[in-house]
C-alpha atoms as a PDB file:
ATOM      1  CA  MET A   1     110.279 112.039  96.770  1.00  0.00           C
ATOM      2  CA  LYS A   2     111.480 112.771  99.932  1.00  0.00           C
ATOM      3  CA  ILE A   3     112.546 110.537 103.258  1.00  0.00           C
ATOM      4  CA  LYS A   4     113.883 110.964 106.891  1.00  0.00           C
ATOM      5  CA  GLY A   5     117.632 110.339 107.716  1.00  0.00           C
ATOM      6  CA  LYS A   6     120.296 108.058 106.689  1.00  0.00           C
ATOM      7  CA  PRO A   7     119.953 104.818 108.956  1.00  0.00           C
ATOM      8  CA  PRO A   8     116.752 104.108 107.366  1.00  0.00           C
ATOM      9  CA  ILE A   9     117.975 104.524 104.035  1.00  0.00           C
ATOM     10  CA  ILE A  10     120.725 102.374 104.771  1.00  0.00           C
ATOM     11  CA  LEU A  11     118.281  99.812 106.390  1.00  0.00           C
ATOM     12  CA  GLY A  12     115.867 100.423 103.120  1.00  0.00           C
ATOM     13  CA  LEU A  13     118.976  99.753 100.792  1.00  0.00           C
ATOM     14  CA  GLY A  14     119.811  96.667 103.165  1.00  0.00           C
ATOM     15  CA  PHE A  15     116.759  94.339 102.812  1.00  0.00           C
ATOM     16  CA  LEU A  16     116.278  95.389  99.245  1.00  0.00           C
ATOM     17  CA  SER A  17     120.075  93.688  98.677  1.00  0.00           C
ATOM     18  CA  PHE A  18     119.520  91.172 100.935  1.00  0.00           C
ATOM     19  CA  GLY A  19     116.150  90.234  98.700  1.00  0.00           C
ATOM     20  CA  ILE A  20     117.530  90.649  95.564  1.00  0.00           C
ATOM     21  CA  ILE A  21     120.391  88.104  96.382  1.00  0.00           C
ATOM     22  CA  LEU A  22     117.490  85.652  97.860  1.00  0.00           C
ATOM     23  CA  ILE A  23     115.776  86.171  94.728  1.00  0.00           C
ATOM     24  CA  TRP A  24     118.644  84.910  92.957  1.00  0.00           C
ATOM     25  CA  LEU A  25     119.209  81.993  95.158  1.00  0.00           C
ATOM     26  CA  SER A  26     115.673  80.769  95.133  1.00  0.00           C
ATOM     27  CA  ILE A  27     115.503  80.973  90.898  1.00  0.00           C
ATOM     28  CA  LEU A  28     119.464  79.293  91.084  1.00  0.00           C
ATOM     29  CA  TYR A  29     117.774  76.440  93.471  1.00  0.00           C
ATOM     30  CA  GLU A  30     114.029  76.732  91.978  1.00  0.00           C
ATOM     31  CA  SER A  31     112.793  77.100  95.365  1.00  0.00           C
ATOM     32  CA  THR A  32     109.323  78.915  95.612  1.00  0.00           C
ATOM     33  CA  ILE A  33     109.129  79.268  99.226  1.00  0.00           C
ATOM     34  CA  LEU A  34     112.386  81.295  99.174  1.00  0.00           C
ATOM     35  CA  LEU A  35     111.528  83.401  96.593  1.00  0.00           C
ATOM     36  CA  LEU A  36     108.299  84.189  98.261  1.00  0.00           C
ATOM     37  CA  ILE A  37     110.452  85.275 101.064  1.00  0.00           C
ATOM     38  CA  SER A  38     112.587  87.286  98.972  1.00  0.00           C
ATOM     39  CA  LEU A  39     109.488  89.438  97.522  1.00  0.00           C
ATOM     40  CA  ALA A  40     108.661  89.980 101.499  1.00  0.00           C
ATOM     41  CA  ILE A  41     111.734  91.376 102.200  1.00  0.00           C
ATOM     42  CA  THR A  42     112.297  93.225  99.063  1.00  0.00           C
ATOM     43  CA  PHE A  43     108.825  94.838  99.017  1.00  0.00           C
ATOM     44  CA  TRP A  44     110.145  95.689 102.648  1.00  0.00           C
ATOM     45  CA  GLY A  45     113.196  97.824 101.581  1.00  0.00           C
ATOM     46  CA  SER A  46     111.192  99.625  99.090  1.00  0.00           C
ATOM     47  CA  LEU A  47     108.508 100.707 101.162  1.00  0.00           C
ATOM     48  CA  LEU A  48     111.527 101.619 103.361  1.00  0.00           C
ATOM     49  CA  LEU A  49     112.549 104.015 100.694  1.00  0.00           C
ATOM     50  CA  TYR A  50     109.302 104.934  99.493  1.00  0.00           C
ATOM     51  CA  VAL A  51     107.639 106.894 102.236  1.00  0.00           C
ATOM     52  CA  ARG A  52     109.952 108.734 104.264  1.00  0.00           C
ATOM     53  CA  PRO A  53     109.388 112.426 104.641  1.00  0.00           C
ATOM     54  CA  THR A  54     112.306 114.728 104.611  1.00  0.00           C
ATOM     55  CA  ARG A  55     115.264 114.964 102.235  1.00  0.00           C
ATOM     56  CA  TYR A  56     114.806 113.533  98.448  1.00  0.00           C
ATOM     57  CA  VAL A  57     115.824 110.246  97.367  1.00  0.00           C
ATOM     58  CA  ARG A  58     115.020 109.914  93.476  1.00  0.00           C
ATOM     59  CA  PRO A  59     112.035 107.972  92.539  1.00  0.00           C
ATOM     60  CA  ILE A  60     113.400 106.343  88.997  1.00  0.00           C
ATOM     61  CA  LEU A  61     115.864 104.312  92.108  1.00  0.00           C
ATOM     62  CA  ILE A  62     112.860 103.331  94.195  1.00  0.00           C
ATOM     63  CA  ASP A  63     110.774 102.373  91.121  1.00  0.00           C
ATOM     64  CA  SER A  64     114.098 100.252  89.576  1.00  0.00           C
ATOM     65  CA  THR A  65     114.357  98.123  92.560  1.00  0.00           C
ATOM     66  CA  THR A  66     110.410  97.240  92.684  1.00  0.00           C
ATOM     67  CA  ILE A  67     110.149  96.465  89.467  1.00  0.00           C
ATOM     68  CA  SER A  68     112.809  93.507  90.084  1.00  0.00           C
ATOM     69  CA  SER A  69     110.941  92.117  92.967  1.00  0.00           C
ATOM     70  CA  LEU A  70     107.491  92.294  90.923  1.00  0.00           C
ATOM     71  CA  GLU A  71     109.062  91.027  87.535  1.00  0.00           C
ATOM     72  CA  ALA A  72     110.255  88.044  89.519  1.00  0.00           C
ATOM     73  CA  LEU A  73     106.564  87.625  91.046  1.00  0.00           C
ATOM     74  CA  ASP A  74     105.550  88.305  87.619  1.00  0.00           C
ATOM     75  CA  GLN A  75     107.279  84.839  86.590  1.00  0.00           C
ATOM     76  CA  LEU A  76     105.937  82.618  89.338  1.00  0.00           C
ATOM     77  CA  ILE A  77     102.568  83.860  88.663  1.00  0.00           C
ATOM     78  CA  THR A  78     102.853  83.444  84.519  1.00  0.00           C
ATOM     79  CA  SER A  79     104.720  80.038  85.079  1.00  0.00           C
ATOM     80  CA  LEU A  80     102.276  78.162  87.773  1.00  0.00           C
ATOM     81  CA  GLU A  81      99.539  79.294  85.222  1.00  0.00           C
ATOM     82  CA  TYR A  82      97.630  81.196  87.797  1.00  0.00           C
ATOM     83  CA  LYS A  83      95.181  83.385  85.337  1.00  0.00           C
ATOM     84  CA  GLY A  84      92.282  84.192  87.312  1.00  0.00           C
ATOM     85  CA  LYS A  85      91.599  87.767  89.208  1.00  0.00           C
ATOM     86  CA  GLY A  86      93.111  87.789  92.663  1.00  0.00           C
ATOM     87  CA  VAL A  87      90.506  88.307  95.724  1.00  0.00           C
ATOM     88  CA  TYR A  88      91.808  90.341  98.342  1.00  0.00           C
ATOM     89  CA  LEU A  89      90.768  88.607 101.813  1.00  0.00           C
ATOM     90  CA  PRO A  90      89.471  90.827 104.769  1.00  0.00           C
ATOM     91  CA  PRO A  91      91.698  89.705 108.221  1.00  0.00           C
ATOM     92  CA  ARG A  92      88.424  89.158 109.655  1.00  0.00           C
ATOM     93  CA  SER A  93      87.947  86.344 108.027  1.00  0.00           C
ATOM     94  CA  LEU A  94      91.176  85.252 108.642  1.00  0.00           C
ATOM     95  CA  GLU A  95      91.125  85.176 112.688  1.00  0.00           C
ATOM     96  CA  GLU A  96      94.861  84.193 112.881  1.00  0.00           C
ATOM     97  CA  VAL A  97      95.764  85.950 109.936  1.00  0.00           C
ATOM     98  CA  LYS A  98      96.813  89.143 110.380  1.00  0.00           C
ATOM     99  CA  GLY A  99      96.842  91.991 107.803  1.00  0.00           C
ATOM    100  CA  GLY A 100      94.541  89.714 105.018  1.00  0.00           C
ATOM    101  CA  ARG A 101      95.719  87.860 101.959  1.00  0.00           C
ATOM    102  CA  VAL A 102      95.169  87.801  98.495  1.00  0.00           C
ATOM    103  CA  PHE A 103      94.060  84.442  96.781  1.00  0.00           C
ATOM    104  CA  ILE A 104      94.638  83.272  93.029  1.00  0.00           C
ATOM    105  CA  PRO A 105      92.899  80.954  91.332  1.00  0.00           C
ATOM    106  CA  LYS A 106      94.129  78.890  88.415  1.00  0.00           C
ATOM    107  CA  ASN A 107      91.419  79.413  86.128  1.00  0.00           C
ATOM    108  CA  GLU A 108      89.955  82.661  85.235  1.00  0.00           C
ATOM    109  CA  MET A 109      86.814  82.836  87.281  1.00  0.00           C
ATOM    110  CA  ILE A 110      86.662  84.535  90.461  1.00  0.00           C
ATOM    111  CA  MET A 111      85.954  81.882  93.424  1.00  0.00           C
ATOM    112  CA  VAL A 112      87.735  81.631  96.764  1.00  0.00           C
ATOM    113  CA  PRO A 113      87.489  78.395  98.718  1.00  0.00           C
ATOM    114  CA  VAL A 114      86.410  78.309 102.347  1.00  0.00           C
ATOM    115  CA  ILE A 115      89.161  78.957 104.614  1.00  0.00           C
ATOM    116  CA  GLU A 116      89.914  77.013 107.458  1.00  0.00           C
ATOM    117  CA  LYS A 117      92.290  77.951 110.563  1.00  0.00           C
ATOM    118  CA  GLU A 118      94.477  74.967 109.117  1.00  0.00           C
ATOM    119  CA  THR A 119      94.919  76.208 105.833  1.00  0.00           C
ATOM    120  CA  ALA A 120      95.135  80.012 106.157  1.00  0.00           C
ATOM    121  CA  GLN A 121      98.813  79.763 106.338  1.00  0.00           C
ATOM    122  CA  GLN A 122      99.157  77.319 103.185  1.00  0.00           C
ATOM    123  CA  VAL A 123     100.752  78.717  99.836  1.00  0.00           C
ATOM    124  CA  PHE A 124      99.133  76.387  97.915  1.00  0.00           C
ATOM    125  CA  VAL A 125      95.865  74.569  97.703  1.00  0.00           C
ATOM    126  CA  GLY A 126      93.075  73.182  95.817  1.00  0.00           C
ATOM    127  CA  ASN A 127      89.549  72.550  95.216  1.00  0.00           C
ATOM    128  CA  PRO A 128      89.404  75.051  93.735  1.00  0.00           C
ATOM    129  CA  ASP A 129      93.185  75.286  92.550  1.00  0.00           C
ATOM    130  CA  GLY A 130      95.106  78.123  93.782  1.00  0.00           C
ATOM    131  CA  VAL A 131      97.959  80.177  95.355  1.00  0.00           C
ATOM    132  CA  TYR A 132      97.364  82.084  98.788  1.00  0.00           C
ATOM    133  CA  LEU A 133      99.949  85.111  98.757  1.00  0.00           C
ATOM    134  CA  THR A 134     100.772  88.034 101.338  1.00  0.00           C
ATOM    135  CA  PRO A 135      99.249  91.164  99.388  1.00  0.00           C
ATOM    136  CA  PRO A 136     102.652  92.907  97.951  1.00  0.00           C
ATOM    137  CA  GLY A 137     100.476  96.113  99.156  1.00  0.00           C
ATOM    138  CA  VAL A 138     100.136  95.369 103.033  1.00  0.00           C
ATOM    139  CA  GLU A 139     102.536  96.865 104.527  1.00  0.00           C
ATOM    140  CA  LEU A 140     101.850  99.915 102.575  1.00  0.00           C
ATOM    141  CA  ALA A 141      97.816  99.667 104.052  1.00  0.00           C
ATOM    142  CA  ASN A 142      99.070  99.685 107.039  1.00  0.00           C
ATOM    143  CA  LEU A 143     101.080 102.475 106.762  1.00  0.00           C
ATOM    144  CA  PHE A 144      97.984 104.378 105.685  1.00  0.00           C
ATOM    145  CA  GLU A 145      96.415 103.262 108.847  1.00  0.00           C
ATOM    146  CA  LYS A 146      99.130 104.729 111.139  1.00  0.00           C
ATOM    147  CA  GLU A 147      98.913 107.847 109.138  1.00  0.00           C
ATOM    148  CA  LEU A 148      95.038 108.341 109.677  1.00  0.00           C
ATOM    149  CA  GLY A 149      95.413 106.856 113.283  1.00  0.00           C
ATOM    150  CA  LYS A 150      92.533 104.483 112.560  1.00  0.00           C
ATOM    151  CA  ASN A 151      91.999 100.690 112.285  1.00  0.00           C
ATOM    152  CA  PHE A 152      90.136 100.423 108.691  1.00  0.00           C
ATOM    153  CA  ALA A 153      88.442  97.677 110.062  1.00  0.00           C
ATOM    154  CA  GLU A 154      86.104  99.846 112.210  1.00  0.00           C
ATOM    155  CA  VAL A 155      86.113 102.869 109.850  1.00  0.00           C
ATOM    156  CA  SER A 156      83.030 103.043 106.751  1.00  0.00           C
ATOM    157  CA  PRO A 157      83.959 102.804 103.034  1.00  0.00           C
ATOM    158  CA  GLU A 158      82.467 106.204 103.052  1.00  0.00           C
ATOM    159  CA  TYR A 159      85.716 107.250 105.532  1.00  0.00           C
ATOM    160  CA  LEU A 160      88.282 105.895 103.125  1.00  0.00           C
ATOM    161  CA  ALA A 161      86.757 107.511 100.115  1.00  0.00           C
ATOM    162  CA  GLU A 162      86.990 110.853 101.948  1.00  0.00           C
ATOM    163  CA  ASN A 163      90.812 110.421 103.454  1.00  0.00           C
ATOM    164  CA  LEU A 164      92.463 107.853 101.747  1.00  0.00           C
ATOM    165  CA  PRO A 165      93.516 111.142  99.023  1.00  0.00           C
ATOM    166  CA  LYS A 166      94.955 113.165 102.087  1.00  0.00           C
ATOM    167  CA  VAL A 167      97.333 110.058 102.935  1.00  0.00           C
ATOM    168  CA  PHE A 168      98.494 110.342  98.819  1.00  0.00           C
ATOM    169  CA  ILE A 169      98.605 113.735  98.392  1.00  0.00           C
ATOM    170  CA  GLU A 170      99.651 115.137 101.545  1.00  0.00           C
ATOM    171  CA  ASP A 171     100.843 112.848 104.376  1.00  0.00           C
ATOM    172  CA  LEU A 172     103.079 110.431 102.042  1.00  0.00           C
ATOM    173  CA  GLU A 173     103.555 112.865  98.735  1.00  0.00           C
ATOM    174  CA  ILE A 174     102.886 110.521  96.328  1.00  0.00           C
ATOM    175  CA  ALA A 175     100.732 111.686  93.861  1.00  0.00           C
ATOM    176  CA  LYS A 176      99.258 115.142  93.183  1.00  0.00           C
ATOM    177  CA  ASN A 177      95.596 114.489  93.336  1.00  0.00           C
ATOM    178  CA  CYS A 178      93.602 111.705  94.369  1.00  0.00           C
ATOM    179  CA  GLU A 179      89.896 111.004  93.616  1.00  0.00           C
ATOM    180  CA  VAL A 180      87.806 107.990  95.189  1.00  0.00           C
ATOM    181  CA  SER A 181      84.488 107.143  94.508  1.00  0.00           C
ATOM    182  CA  MET A 182      81.989 104.652  94.795  1.00  0.00           C
ATOM    183  CA  ARG A 183      79.150 103.115  93.230  1.00  0.00           C
ATOM    184  CA  LYS A 184      77.251 100.454  94.655  1.00  0.00           C
ATOM    185  CA  ASN A 185      80.077  97.138  94.370  1.00  0.00           C
ATOM    186  CA  LEU A 186      82.326  99.139  92.821  1.00  0.00           C
ATOM    187  CA  VAL A 187      85.314 101.900  93.737  1.00  0.00           C
ATOM    188  CA  LEU A 188      86.818 104.013  91.064  1.00  0.00           C
ATOM    189  CA  VAL A 189      90.217 105.646  92.351  1.00  0.00           C
ATOM    190  CA  LYS A 190      91.965 108.259  90.405  1.00  0.00           C
ATOM    191  CA  ILE A 191      95.345 109.382  90.943  1.00  0.00           C
ATOM    192  CA  SER A 192      97.349 111.976  88.612  1.00  0.00           C
ATOM    193  CA  GLY A 193     101.110 112.730  89.359  1.00  0.00           C
ATOM    194  CA  VAL A 194     101.969 109.769  90.792  1.00  0.00           C
ATOM    195  CA  ILE A 195     105.476 109.811  91.623  1.00  0.00           C
ATOM    196  CA  TYR A 196     105.695 105.736  90.746  1.00  0.00           C
ATOM    197  CA  ASP A 197     105.169 105.935  87.338  1.00  0.00           C
ATOM    198  CA  LEU A 198     108.627 104.088  85.589  1.00  0.00           C
ATOM    199  CA  LEU A 199     106.864 101.337  87.889  1.00  0.00           C
ATOM    200  CA  CYS A 200     103.316 101.822  86.113  1.00  0.00           C
ATOM    201  CA  GLN A 201     104.575 102.131  82.482  1.00  0.00           C
ATOM    202  CA  ARG A 202     107.001  98.768  83.060  1.00  0.00           C
ATOM    203  CA  LEU A 203     103.853  96.824  84.655  1.00  0.00           C
ATOM    204  CA  CYS A 204     100.253  98.513  83.599  1.00  0.00           C
ATOM    205  CA  GLY A 205      98.455  96.384  81.107  1.00  0.00           C
ATOM    206  CA  LYS A 206     101.787  94.117  80.272  1.00  0.00           C
ATOM    207  CA  SER A 207     101.885  91.827  83.178  1.00  0.00           C
ATOM    208  CA  ALA A 208     100.418  88.844  85.187  1.00  0.00           C
ATOM    209  CA  VAL A 209     101.310  90.740  88.735  1.00  0.00           C
ATOM    210  CA  CYS A 210      99.338  94.127  87.192  1.00  0.00           C
ATOM    211  CA  SER A 211      96.223  92.366  86.236  1.00  0.00           C
ATOM    212  CA  THR A 212      95.996  90.140  88.994  1.00  0.00           C
ATOM    213  CA  ILE A 213      96.694  91.745  92.235  1.00  0.00           C
ATOM    214  CA  GLY A 214      98.525  94.687  91.307  1.00  0.00           C
ATOM    215  CA  CYS A 215     101.416  96.603  91.744  1.00  0.00           C
ATOM    216  CA  PRO A 216     102.331  97.845  96.080  1.00  0.00           C
ATOM    217  CA  PHE A 217      99.582 100.870  95.623  1.00  0.00           C
ATOM    218  CA  CYS A 218      96.820  99.632  93.932  1.00  0.00           C
ATOM    219  CA  SER A 219      97.503  96.572  96.040  1.00  0.00           C
ATOM    220  CA  ALA A 220      97.081  98.656  99.241  1.00  0.00           C
ATOM    221  CA  ILE A 221      94.135 100.385  98.343  1.00  0.00           C
ATOM    222  CA  ALA A 222      92.218  96.592  98.047  1.00  0.00           C
ATOM    223  CA  CYS A 223      93.667  95.756 101.250  1.00  0.00           C
ATOM    224  CA  ALA A 224      92.204  98.685 102.922  1.00  0.00           C
ATOM    225  CA  ILE A 225      88.881  98.609 100.597  1.00  0.00           C
ATOM    226  CA  ALA A 226      88.899  94.916 102.167  1.00  0.00           C
ATOM    227  CA  ARG A 227      89.077  95.459 105.702  1.00  0.00           C
ATOM    228  CA  SER A 228      86.627  98.648 105.495  1.00  0.00           C
ATOM    229  CA  THR A 229      83.762  96.472 104.091  1.00  0.00           C
ATOM    230  CA  GLY A 230      84.414  93.153 105.390  1.00  0.00           C
ATOM    231  CA  LYS A 231      83.921  91.540 102.568  1.00  0.00           C
ATOM    232  CA  GLN A 232      86.013  90.172  99.413  1.00  0.00           C
ATOM    233  CA  VAL A 233      87.613  92.771  96.661  1.00  0.00           C
ATOM    234  CA  ALA A 234      89.133  92.294  93.251  1.00  0.00           C
ATOM    235  CA  ILE A 235      90.780  94.813  91.081  1.00  0.00           C
ATOM    236  CA  GLU A 236      88.565  94.640  88.136  1.00  0.00           C
ATOM    237  CA  LYS A 237      90.593  96.641  85.830  1.00  0.00           C
ATOM    238  CA  ASN A 238      92.975  99.296  85.585  1.00  0.00           C
ATOM    239  CA  SER A 239      95.038 101.717  83.144  1.00  0.00           C
ATOM    240  CA  PHE A 240      97.785 104.378  83.318  1.00  0.00           C
ATOM    241  CA  SER A 241      98.498 107.181  81.122  1.00  0.00           C
ATOM    242  CA  GLU A 242     102.036 107.952  80.569  1.00  0.00           C
ATOM    243  CA  LYS A 243     101.242 111.272  79.036  1.00  0.00           C
ATOM    244  CA  ASN A 244      99.820 112.702  82.765  1.00  0.00           C
ATOM    245  CA  LYS A 245     100.861 110.357  85.233  1.00  0.00           C
ATOM    246  CA  VAL A 246      97.332 109.241  85.524  1.00  0.00           C
ATOM    247  CA  VAL A 247      95.963 106.097  87.456  1.00  0.00           C
ATOM    248  CA  GLN A 248      92.615 104.573  87.282  1.00  0.00           C
ATOM    249  CA  VAL A 249      92.077 101.672  89.115  1.00  0.00           C
ATOM    250  CA  TYR A 250      88.399  99.896  89.084  1.00  0.00           C
ATOM    251  CA  TYR A 251      87.966  97.459  92.460  1.00  0.00           C
ATOM    252  CA  LYS A 252      84.636  95.441  92.647  1.00  0.00           C
ATOM    253  CA  ILE A 253      83.398  94.634  96.097  1.00  0.00           C
ATOM    254  CA  LEU A 254      82.486  90.879  96.097  1.00  0.00           C
ATOM    255  CA  GLY A 255      79.305  89.450  97.433  1.00  0.00           C
ATOM    256  CA  GLU A 256      77.112  92.321  96.774  1.00  0.00           C
END
């Protein structure tokens, strides 16, 4: 994968190192809040390494560092026994929360409480029981917007279907092919020749993160769909073919 210049590489590795140290401290002191902060920092570091053009960085290095933070998040979701599908909320539903949030309900039903200003920034909530998290792909979704020069809240879902493939294939060069198709309240995204295949091998079908909120890439697309439609979005199912490095993700637009 291509990246640009040494300073961003150093910055990315610095974020990753600091994030991993915080993950270790959060486990040592059994601090959930510290763990969430450390995951955010680690995701930022991984993102800085993933999406830069010009020089090459081995994808296996990036995958390995990202996997550590995702596995820590997986342990958190599993230990708290949150079994529901993550529901991505559009930013316009959150007013003061930039970028969007994802809600993971305690039980297996897809349900989201009414969001009040005073609860929008909370992590753990009741009625129904669940947890609010910043989506792992929110900054990647922001990068998609930057590459296309658009605010996804101001474009149609059809625009996303037509232009997201360009971002994956040409702009960021993270896949060889990408197809986005829409059928009523379902969106199918098929991505082949992905450079983050090690990440998919480790997580797809094997972790709570994958089945609830998705990896940073699946999460970023969910954020984009939620912004464009103005509706809540859930990852209905996903799969990965190791042979052809093909990722297939079905997104469900709720409330339609």
